[in-house]
Every structure is written in C-alpha cells, then in structure tokens.
C-alpha cells in the first residue's frame, strides 16, 4: 500500500527539461548498446549499462539534486584528477565511486566523439579478457 505523503525519488521535471534529459539518455544508449554483450537495466533508479555483470556506464540525472545530467564511467585512477583539473566544466569527481577512479562526464559539455571514446574505454576496462580479444580481433 502506498503512503500518500511519500515524496517521489526525483522532482518532476518540466516538459522541456524532461525532453532534454530523455534525449541525453537516448544519446548514451545509442553508444552503449553498440558495445558487444552490452545490456541495460535500472540500477539505483537510473539507466545503467553492463557487460555481463559489470557496470561500464551509469546515467546520472540530477543525483541528490546536484543539477547534473551526466554519465559516470570507470576511469584510470591516476588520470582522473588530472582530467578533472584540466576541464572542470566537463568532468567531475562523482560521489561514492569517484574514490575508486570513476569519472563523471557532463553530457551537455562533451562532444559526441569524446563521449564515444569514454564509453569505449569504460567498456574495455570491465569487459572479460576473452571478449576483449574477440573484439580487438574483429
């Protein structure tokens, strides 16, 4: 039974913002689903892409009211702070997973080419070795 005083997990977006967010989800989905064995399912209430059981891209829509429409991807922990410092308008340190080297990427600030490269590298970082070998051989 539903509690009538329960607050929805996300604020209801005005139609214009909702359309923009849905366009960004479609943009990310189009790139993620080209990766071998990629699957999509909700995780923590957001679209998330997996290769087998490992996450390679998480969508982040105004996470805890931060105002960001972004993706979060596994990244080289040694390069993460350098990239964030060099382009803070595009990249950020995501809560919870940033400590493990993950990178937040603002979707309204990243080019299609860069987004594709980040998603590919994230997929490569978590894909099983045999799948990577098959992918590299093709």
C-alpha atoms as a PDB file:
ATOM      1  CA  UNK A   1       0.000   0.000   0.000  1.00  0.00           C
ATOM      2  CA  UNK A   2       1.365   3.380  -0.986  1.00  0.00           C
ATOM      3  CA  UNK A   3       1.982   6.143   1.532  1.00  0.00           C
ATOM      4  CA  UNK A   4       0.198   9.298   0.230  1.00  0.00           C
ATOM      5  CA  UNK A   5       2.809  11.535   1.903  1.00  0.00           C
ATOM      6  CA  UNK A   6       5.689   9.741   0.218  1.00  0.00           C
ATOM      7  CA  UNK A   7       7.845  12.041  -1.919  1.00  0.00           C
ATOM      8  CA  UNK A   8       8.850  10.792  -5.378  1.00  0.00           C
ATOM      9  CA  UNK A   9      12.573   9.960  -5.620  1.00  0.00           C
ATOM     10  CA  UNK A  10      13.146  12.699  -8.227  1.00  0.00           C
ATOM     11  CA  UNK A  11      11.495  16.049  -8.714  1.00  0.00           C
ATOM     12  CA  UNK A  12       9.023  16.118 -11.561  1.00  0.00           C
ATOM     13  CA  UNK A  13      10.769  17.849 -14.438  1.00  0.00           C
ATOM     14  CA  UNK A  14       9.082  20.466 -16.595  1.00  0.00           C
ATOM     15  CA  UNK A  15       8.399  19.109 -20.111  1.00  0.00           C
ATOM     16  CA  UNK A  16      11.333  20.971 -21.692  1.00  0.00           C
ATOM     17  CA  UNK A  17      13.862  19.612 -19.178  1.00  0.00           C
ATOM     18  CA  UNK A  18      12.347  16.141 -19.378  1.00  0.00           C
ATOM     19  CA  UNK A  19      12.727  16.115 -23.177  1.00  0.00           C
ATOM     20  CA  UNK A  20      16.354  17.256 -22.888  1.00  0.00           C
ATOM     21  CA  UNK A  21      17.112  14.523 -20.336  1.00  0.00           C
ATOM     22  CA  UNK A  22      15.417  11.854 -22.458  1.00  0.00           C
ATOM     23  CA  UNK A  23      17.460  12.989 -25.478  1.00  0.00           C
ATOM     24  CA  UNK A  24      20.645  12.570 -23.435  1.00  0.00           C
ATOM     25  CA  UNK A  25      19.582   9.100 -22.297  1.00  0.00           C
ATOM     26  CA  UNK A  26      18.933   8.161 -25.925  1.00  0.00           C
ATOM     27  CA  UNK A  27      22.331   9.594 -26.905  1.00  0.00           C
ATOM     28  CA  UNK A  28      24.130   7.469 -24.304  1.00  0.00           C
ATOM     29  CA  UNK A  29      22.001   4.395 -25.028  1.00  0.00           C
ATOM     30  CA  UNK A  30      22.827   4.586 -28.751  1.00  0.00           C
ATOM     31  CA  UNK A  31      26.554   4.427 -27.946  1.00  0.00           C
ATOM     32  CA  UNK A  32      26.427   1.891 -25.118  1.00  0.00           C
ATOM     33  CA  UNK A  33      24.306  -0.630 -26.982  1.00  0.00           C
ATOM     34  CA  UNK A  34      26.874  -0.844 -29.785  1.00  0.00           C
ATOM     35  CA  UNK A  35      29.310  -2.480 -27.382  1.00  0.00           C
ATOM     36  CA  UNK A  36      29.482  -6.301 -27.526  1.00  0.00           C
ATOM     37  CA  UNK A  37      27.269  -8.050 -24.979  1.00  0.00           C
ATOM     38  CA  UNK A  38      26.078  -4.734 -23.531  1.00  0.00           C
ATOM     39  CA  UNK A  39      22.826  -4.863 -21.596  1.00  0.00           C
ATOM     40  CA  UNK A  40      20.804  -2.119 -19.979  1.00  0.00           C
ATOM     41  CA  UNK A  41      18.834  -2.196 -16.774  1.00  0.00           C
ATOM     42  CA  UNK A  42      17.940   0.162 -13.979  1.00  0.00           C
ATOM     43  CA  UNK A  43      20.385   0.412 -11.126  1.00  0.00           C
ATOM     44  CA  UNK A  44      19.759   2.851  -8.304  1.00  0.00           C
ATOM     45  CA  UNK A  45      16.828   4.186 -10.335  1.00  0.00           C
ATOM     46  CA  UNK A  46      18.915   5.182 -13.378  1.00  0.00           C
ATOM     47  CA  UNK A  47      19.641   3.534 -16.724  1.00  0.00           C
ATOM     48  CA  UNK A  48      22.885   1.594 -16.373  1.00  0.00           C
ATOM     49  CA  UNK A  49      24.836  -0.429 -18.935  1.00  0.00           C
ATOM     50  CA  UNK A  50      26.615  -3.675 -18.174  1.00  0.00           C
ATOM     51  CA  UNK A  51      28.913  -6.062 -19.957  1.00  0.00           C
ATOM     52  CA  UNK A  52      27.945  -9.372 -18.444  1.00  0.00           C
ATOM     53  CA  UNK A  53      27.561  -8.412 -14.760  1.00  0.00           C
ATOM     54  CA  UNK A  54      29.968  -5.461 -14.666  1.00  0.00           C
ATOM     55  CA  UNK A  55      28.907  -1.831 -14.986  1.00  0.00           C
ATOM     56  CA  UNK A  56      30.610   0.244 -17.648  1.00  0.00           C
ATOM     57  CA  UNK A  57      28.304   3.300 -17.797  1.00  0.00           C
ATOM     58  CA  UNK A  58      25.802   4.747 -15.340  1.00  0.00           C
ATOM     59  CA  UNK A  59      23.427   7.556 -16.243  1.00  0.00           C
ATOM     60  CA  UNK A  60      23.172  10.236 -13.571  1.00  0.00           C
ATOM     61  CA  UNK A  61      20.169  12.554 -13.663  1.00  0.00           C
ATOM     62  CA  UNK A  62      20.291  15.244 -11.005  1.00  0.00           C
ATOM     63  CA  UNK A  63      21.749  12.816  -8.472  1.00  0.00           C
ATOM     64  CA  UNK A  64      20.742  14.012  -4.995  1.00  0.00           C
ATOM     65  CA  UNK A  65      19.761  17.345  -6.532  1.00  0.00           C
ATOM     66  CA  UNK A  66      23.230  18.174  -7.895  1.00  0.00           C
ATOM     67  CA  UNK A  67      21.734  19.561 -11.136  1.00  0.00           C
ATOM     68  CA  UNK A  68      23.953  17.415 -13.369  1.00  0.00           C
ATOM     69  CA  UNK A  69      22.826  15.320 -16.311  1.00  0.00           C
ATOM     70  CA  UNK A  70      25.845  13.106 -16.775  1.00  0.00           C
ATOM     71  CA  UNK A  71      27.313   9.675 -17.082  1.00  0.00           C
ATOM     72  CA  UNK A  72      29.692   8.062 -14.646  1.00  0.00           C
ATOM     73  CA  UNK A  73      32.288   5.643 -16.010  1.00  0.00           C
ATOM     74  CA  UNK A  74      35.237   3.658 -14.658  1.00  0.00           C
ATOM     75  CA  UNK A  75      38.424   5.530 -15.477  1.00  0.00           C
ATOM     76  CA  UNK A  76      42.145   5.382 -14.905  1.00  0.00           C
ATOM     77  CA  UNK A  77      42.536   6.453 -11.240  1.00  0.00           C
ATOM     78  CA  UNK A  78      45.897   8.066 -11.991  1.00  0.00           C
ATOM     79  CA  UNK A  79      44.477  10.241 -14.768  1.00  0.00           C
ATOM     80  CA  UNK A  80      41.120  11.050 -13.178  1.00  0.00           C
ATOM     81  CA  UNK A  81      42.292  14.051 -11.091  1.00  0.00           C
ATOM     82  CA  UNK A  82      44.317  15.464 -13.992  1.00  0.00           C
ATOM     83  CA  UNK A  83      41.330  15.385 -16.333  1.00  0.00           C
ATOM     84  CA  UNK A  84      39.023  16.915 -13.733  1.00  0.00           C
ATOM     85  CA  UNK A  85      41.531  19.706 -13.016  1.00  0.00           C
ATOM     86  CA  UNK A  86      42.157  20.402 -16.698  1.00  0.00           C
ATOM     87  CA  UNK A  87      38.458  20.572 -17.688  1.00  0.00           C
ATOM     88  CA  UNK A  88      36.278  21.082 -14.591  1.00  0.00           C
ATOM     89  CA  UNK A  89      33.363  22.338 -16.696  1.00  0.00           C
ATOM     90  CA  UNK A  90      33.180  18.947 -18.409  1.00  0.00           C
ATOM     91  CA  UNK A  91      34.398  16.406 -15.837  1.00  0.00           C
ATOM     92  CA  UNK A  92      33.778  15.936 -12.124  1.00  0.00           C
ATOM     93  CA  UNK A  93      34.526  13.651  -9.203  1.00  0.00           C
ATOM     94  CA  UNK A  94      31.341  11.591  -8.709  1.00  0.00           C
ATOM     95  CA  UNK A  95      30.111  10.793  -5.205  1.00  0.00           C
ATOM     96  CA  UNK A  96      30.534   7.237  -3.902  1.00  0.00           C
ATOM     97  CA  UNK A  97      32.522   5.874  -6.869  1.00  0.00           C
ATOM     98  CA  UNK A  98      34.974   8.716  -7.516  1.00  0.00           C
ATOM     99  CA  UNK A  99      37.240   7.312  -4.827  1.00  0.00           C
ATOM    100  CA  UNK A 100      37.570   4.171  -6.962  1.00  0.00           C
ATOM    101  CA  UNK A 101      38.693   6.136 -10.012  1.00  0.00           C
ATOM    102  CA  UNK A 102      35.311   6.657 -11.678  1.00  0.00           C
ATOM    103  CA  UNK A 103      34.765   9.834 -13.681  1.00  0.00           C
ATOM    104  CA  UNK A 104      31.663  11.998 -14.039  1.00  0.00           C
ATOM    105  CA  UNK A 105      31.097  13.457 -17.514  1.00  0.00           C
ATOM    106  CA  UNK A 106      28.593  16.260 -18.077  1.00  0.00           C
ATOM    107  CA  UNK A 107      26.623  15.359 -21.178  1.00  0.00           C
ATOM    108  CA  UNK A 108      25.880  18.919 -22.259  1.00  0.00           C
ATOM    109  CA  UNK A 109      29.632  19.672 -22.298  1.00  0.00           C
ATOM    110  CA  UNK A 110      31.096  16.637 -24.065  1.00  0.00           C
ATOM    111  CA  UNK A 111      31.376  16.108 -27.812  1.00  0.00           C
ATOM    112  CA  UNK A 112      29.957  13.016 -29.472  1.00  0.00           C
ATOM    113  CA  UNK A 113      33.492  11.861 -30.339  1.00  0.00           C
ATOM    114  CA  UNK A 114      34.761  12.229 -26.761  1.00  0.00           C
ATOM    115  CA  UNK A 115      31.647  10.589 -25.337  1.00  0.00           C
ATOM    116  CA  UNK A 116      32.092   7.607 -27.669  1.00  0.00           C
ATOM    117  CA  UNK A 117      35.749   7.284 -26.638  1.00  0.00           C
ATOM    118  CA  UNK A 118      34.958   7.437 -22.918  1.00  0.00           C
ATOM    119  CA  UNK A 119      32.238   4.794 -23.243  1.00  0.00           C
ATOM    120  CA  UNK A 120      34.508   2.528 -25.292  1.00  0.00           C
ATOM    121  CA  UNK A 121      37.341   2.863 -22.777  1.00  0.00           C
ATOM    122  CA  UNK A 122      34.958   2.209 -19.887  1.00  0.00           C
ATOM    123  CA  UNK A 123      33.674  -0.917 -21.622  1.00  0.00           C
ATOM    124  CA  UNK A 124      37.255  -2.075 -22.277  1.00  0.00           C
ATOM    125  CA  UNK A 125      38.129  -1.514 -18.608  1.00  0.00           C
ATOM    126  CA  UNK A 126      35.494  -4.001 -17.363  1.00  0.00           C
ATOM    127  CA  UNK A 127      34.947  -6.432 -20.269  1.00  0.00           C
ATOM    128  CA  UNK A 128      36.162 -10.008 -19.784  1.00  0.00           C
ATOM    129  CA  UNK A 129      39.556 -10.745 -21.400  1.00  0.00           C
ATOM    130  CA  UNK A 130      38.241 -13.250 -23.947  1.00  0.00           C
ATOM    131  CA  UNK A 131      35.537 -10.826 -25.071  1.00  0.00           C
ATOM    132  CA  UNK A 132      38.166  -8.091 -25.420  1.00  0.00           C
ATOM    133  CA  UNK A 133      40.355 -10.378 -27.517  1.00  0.00           C
ATOM    134  CA  UNK A 134      37.442 -11.190 -29.811  1.00  0.00           C
ATOM    135  CA  UNK A 135      36.541  -7.507 -30.090  1.00  0.00           C
ATOM    136  CA  UNK A 136      40.124  -6.489 -30.863  1.00  0.00           C
ATOM    137  CA  UNK A 137      40.466  -9.218 -33.483  1.00  0.00           C
ATOM    138  CA  UNK A 138      37.366  -8.046 -35.388  1.00  0.00           C
END
